[in-house]
Amino acid sequence: MFSDPPINTAEVVKRGERIRLSAEVGWTAAGGLRALPDGTYTIGLRPHHVLPAPGRGGGVEVDCRVLIAEISGSESVVHFDLGGLTWVSLSHGVRGFKVGETARFELDVARCLYFGPDGARVAD
């Protein structure tokens, strides 16, 4: 998968109707995700589906430590730590983030891509 900034990926665990990214972060499986067998999957979430909160609403909000904050023209790119993984947010507008601060982001989990252990896409 190639993109700039790169797509965010992480391992999640599905049990029943719950999907867990970590002990603190989870959401309810919707639509076709309910039919997926319980197990471990890899999700992909594009940076423009990870927005500084408050976002569009309906997503999962997470508090994370800012690692890098960049302004590129009329867009802001923020790299942050989410459970030991580096994730990236790409949003329109100039955002004033400071390295080391805790900031809230909204993950639009309805836009997640799901991949099985063999790397094949199993749901979106």
C-alpha atoms as a PDB file:
ATOM      1  CA  MET A   1       0.000   0.000   0.000  1.00  0.00           C
ATOM      2  CA  PHE A   2       1.533   3.283  -1.083  1.00  0.00           C
ATOM      3  CA  SER A   3       0.307   6.713  -0.105  1.00  0.00           C
ATOM      4  CA  ASP A   4       1.717   9.928   1.234  1.00  0.00           C
ATOM      5  CA  PRO A   5       1.227  10.213   4.088  1.00  0.00           C
ATOM      6  CA  PRO A   6       1.088   6.435   4.553  1.00  0.00           C
ATOM      7  CA  ILE A   7      -2.085   4.600   5.505  1.00  0.00           C
ATOM      8  CA  ASN A   8      -2.439   3.832   9.213  1.00  0.00           C
ATOM      9  CA  THR A   9      -2.408   0.129  10.032  1.00  0.00           C
ATOM     10  CA  ALA A  10      -2.946  -1.781  13.253  1.00  0.00           C
ATOM     11  CA  GLU A  11      -3.954  -5.183  14.505  1.00  0.00           C
ATOM     12  CA  VAL A  12      -7.474  -5.488  15.921  1.00  0.00           C
ATOM     13  CA  VAL A  13      -9.347  -8.330  17.574  1.00  0.00           C
ATOM     14  CA  LYS A  14     -12.990  -9.100  16.762  1.00  0.00           C
ATOM     15  CA  ARG A  15     -15.064 -10.870  19.407  1.00  0.00           C
ATOM     16  CA  GLY A  16     -18.800 -11.017  18.797  1.00  0.00           C
ATOM     17  CA  GLU A  17     -19.945  -7.563  17.776  1.00  0.00           C
ATOM     18  CA  ARG A  18     -16.952  -5.754  19.318  1.00  0.00           C
ATOM     19  CA  ILE A  19     -13.733  -4.788  17.595  1.00  0.00           C
ATOM     20  CA  ARG A  20     -10.837  -3.863  19.878  1.00  0.00           C
ATOM     21  CA  LEU A  21      -7.800  -1.855  18.859  1.00  0.00           C
ATOM     22  CA  SER A  22      -6.575  -1.791  22.460  1.00  0.00           C
ATOM     23  CA  ALA A  23      -7.948  -2.191  25.965  1.00  0.00           C
ATOM     24  CA  GLU A  24      -9.142   1.431  25.791  1.00  0.00           C
ATOM     25  CA  VAL A  25     -10.183   1.733  22.131  1.00  0.00           C
ATOM     26  CA  GLY A  26     -12.958  -0.280  20.518  1.00  0.00           C
ATOM     27  CA  TRP A  27     -16.153  -0.052  18.524  1.00  0.00           C
ATOM     28  CA  THR A  28     -19.200  -2.061  17.511  1.00  0.00           C
ATOM     29  CA  ALA A  29     -18.971  -4.077  14.288  1.00  0.00           C
ATOM     30  CA  ALA A  30     -21.460  -2.808  11.734  1.00  0.00           C
ATOM     31  CA  GLY A  31     -22.917  -4.255   8.546  1.00  0.00           C
ATOM     32  CA  GLY A  32     -20.897  -7.046   6.969  1.00  0.00           C
ATOM     33  CA  LEU A  33     -18.298  -6.929   9.741  1.00  0.00           C
ATOM     34  CA  ARG A  34     -20.728  -8.760  12.020  1.00  0.00           C
ATOM     35  CA  ALA A  35     -20.433 -11.816   9.765  1.00  0.00           C
ATOM     36  CA  LEU A  36     -16.632 -11.963  10.037  1.00  0.00           C
ATOM     37  CA  PRO A  37     -15.448 -14.827  12.219  1.00  0.00           C
ATOM     38  CA  ASP A  38     -13.962 -13.851  15.561  1.00  0.00           C
ATOM     39  CA  GLY A  39     -10.228 -13.415  15.356  1.00  0.00           C
ATOM     40  CA  THR A  40      -7.342 -11.079  14.670  1.00  0.00           C
ATOM     41  CA  TYR A  41      -7.365  -8.759  11.662  1.00  0.00           C
ATOM     42  CA  THR A  42      -5.305  -5.865  10.369  1.00  0.00           C
ATOM     43  CA  ILE A  43      -7.091  -2.597   9.713  1.00  0.00           C
ATOM     44  CA  GLY A  44      -6.054   0.174   7.382  1.00  0.00           C
ATOM     45  CA  LEU A  45      -7.335   3.715   7.868  1.00  0.00           C
ATOM     46  CA  ARG A  46      -6.311   6.532   5.561  1.00  0.00           C
ATOM     47  CA  PRO A  47      -4.907   9.672   7.232  1.00  0.00           C
ATOM     48  CA  HIS A  48      -7.761  11.854   5.941  1.00  0.00           C
ATOM     49  CA  HIS A  49     -10.155   9.622   7.907  1.00  0.00           C
ATOM     50  CA  VAL A  50      -8.301  10.485  11.132  1.00  0.00           C
ATOM     51  CA  LEU A  51      -9.214  14.040  12.059  1.00  0.00           C
ATOM     52  CA  PRO A  52      -8.505  16.354  14.955  1.00  0.00           C
ATOM     53  CA  ALA A  53     -11.557  16.157  17.243  1.00  0.00           C
ATOM     54  CA  PRO A  54     -14.162  17.346  17.250  1.00  0.00           C
ATOM     55  CA  GLY A  55     -14.553  15.724  13.878  1.00  0.00           C
ATOM     56  CA  ARG A  56     -17.669  14.876  11.952  1.00  0.00           C
ATOM     57  CA  GLY A  57     -19.053  12.842  14.838  1.00  0.00           C
ATOM     58  CA  GLY A  58     -19.844   9.171  14.954  1.00  0.00           C
ATOM     59  CA  GLY A  59     -16.217   8.091  15.003  1.00  0.00           C
ATOM     60  CA  VAL A  60     -14.071   6.835  17.854  1.00  0.00           C
ATOM     61  CA  GLU A  61     -12.248   9.563  19.755  1.00  0.00           C
ATOM     62  CA  VAL A  62      -8.761   8.888  21.100  1.00  0.00           C
ATOM     63  CA  ASP A  63      -6.331  10.986  23.120  1.00  0.00           C
ATOM     64  CA  CYS A  64      -2.788  10.674  21.781  1.00  0.00           C
ATOM     65  CA  ARG A  65       0.659  12.222  22.174  1.00  0.00           C
ATOM     66  CA  VAL A  66       1.748  14.401  19.240  1.00  0.00           C
ATOM     67  CA  LEU A  67       5.095  13.295  17.777  1.00  0.00           C
ATOM     68  CA  ILE A  68       5.398  15.572  14.722  1.00  0.00           C
ATOM     69  CA  ALA A  69       3.221  18.417  13.466  1.00  0.00           C
ATOM     70  CA  GLU A  70       3.634  19.721   9.907  1.00  0.00           C
ATOM     71  CA  ILE A  71       1.854  22.317   7.832  1.00  0.00           C
ATOM     72  CA  SER A  72       1.849  21.689   4.106  1.00  0.00           C
ATOM     73  CA  GLY A  73       0.143  24.531   2.300  1.00  0.00           C
ATOM     74  CA  SER A  74      -3.459  24.502   3.480  1.00  0.00           C
ATOM     75  CA  GLU A  75      -3.233  21.083   5.156  1.00  0.00           C
ATOM     76  CA  SER A  76      -1.969  19.898   8.515  1.00  0.00           C
ATOM     77  CA  VAL A  77      -0.224  16.567   8.981  1.00  0.00           C
ATOM     78  CA  VAL A  78       0.114  15.278  12.531  1.00  0.00           C
ATOM     79  CA  HIS A  79       2.004  12.126  13.507  1.00  0.00           C
ATOM     80  CA  PHE A  80       0.935  10.800  16.890  1.00  0.00           C
ATOM     81  CA  ASP A  81       1.386   7.828  19.200  1.00  0.00           C
ATOM     82  CA  LEU A  82      -1.640   5.543  19.457  1.00  0.00           C
ATOM     83  CA  GLY A  83      -0.932   2.612  21.742  1.00  0.00           C
ATOM     84  CA  GLY A  84       2.727   2.388  20.769  1.00  0.00           C
ATOM     85  CA  LEU A  85       2.049   2.767  17.043  1.00  0.00           C
ATOM     86  CA  THR A  86       2.717   5.916  15.034  1.00  0.00           C
ATOM     87  CA  TRP A  87      -0.448   7.087  13.265  1.00  0.00           C
ATOM     88  CA  VAL A  88      -0.962  10.038  10.919  1.00  0.00           C
ATOM     89  CA  SER A  89      -3.782  12.550  10.569  1.00  0.00           C
ATOM     90  CA  LEU A  90      -4.213  14.670   7.444  1.00  0.00           C
ATOM     91  CA  SER A  91      -6.706  17.516   7.702  1.00  0.00           C
ATOM     92  CA  HIS A  92      -7.592  20.681   5.833  1.00  0.00           C
ATOM     93  CA  GLY A  93      -6.625  23.928   7.500  1.00  0.00           C
ATOM     94  CA  VAL A  94      -3.746  25.032   9.655  1.00  0.00           C
ATOM     95  CA  ARG A  95      -3.778  23.328  13.062  1.00  0.00           C
ATOM     96  CA  GLY A  96      -1.670  24.490  15.993  1.00  0.00           C
ATOM     97  CA  PHE A  97      -0.327  21.270  17.530  1.00  0.00           C
ATOM     98  CA  LYS A  98       2.781  21.154  19.707  1.00  0.00           C
ATOM     99  CA  VAL A  99       5.145  18.192  19.886  1.00  0.00           C
ATOM    100  CA  GLY A 100       4.638  16.271  23.124  1.00  0.00           C
ATOM    101  CA  GLU A 101       1.152  17.576  23.854  1.00  0.00           C
ATOM    102  CA  THR A 102      -1.874  15.317  24.184  1.00  0.00           C
ATOM    103  CA  ALA A 103      -4.426  15.893  21.464  1.00  0.00           C
ATOM    104  CA  ARG A 104      -7.761  14.288  20.643  1.00  0.00           C
ATOM    105  CA  PHE A 105      -8.365  12.693  17.242  1.00  0.00           C
ATOM    106  CA  GLU A 106     -11.420  11.057  15.759  1.00  0.00           C
ATOM    107  CA  LEU A 107     -11.004   7.755  13.914  1.00  0.00           C
ATOM    108  CA  ASP A 108     -13.691   7.327  11.259  1.00  0.00           C
ATOM    109  CA  VAL A 109     -13.857   3.572  11.864  1.00  0.00           C
ATOM    110  CA  ALA A 110     -16.661   3.192   9.312  1.00  0.00           C
ATOM    111  CA  ARG A 111     -13.896   3.795   6.719  1.00  0.00           C
ATOM    112  CA  CYS A 112     -11.549   1.067   8.000  1.00  0.00           C
ATOM    113  CA  LEU A 113     -10.325  -1.559   5.565  1.00  0.00           C
ATOM    114  CA  TYR A 114     -10.000  -5.044   7.082  1.00  0.00           C
ATOM    115  CA  PHE A 115      -7.399  -7.632   6.067  1.00  0.00           C
ATOM    116  CA  GLY A 116      -7.068 -11.272   7.092  1.00  0.00           C
ATOM    117  CA  PRO A 117      -3.902 -13.039   8.267  1.00  0.00           C
ATOM    118  CA  ASP A 118      -2.934 -13.766   4.644  1.00  0.00           C
ATOM    119  CA  GLY A 119      -3.119 -10.049   3.756  1.00  0.00           C
ATOM    120  CA  ALA A 120      -6.264 -10.425   1.636  1.00  0.00           C
ATOM    121  CA  ARG A 121      -8.954  -7.819   2.109  1.00  0.00           C
ATOM    122  CA  VAL A 122     -11.920  -9.323   3.938  1.00  0.00           C
ATOM    123  CA  ALA A 123     -14.156  -6.282   4.566  1.00  0.00           C
ATOM    124  CA  ASP A 124     -14.427  -2.517   4.391  1.00  0.00           C
END
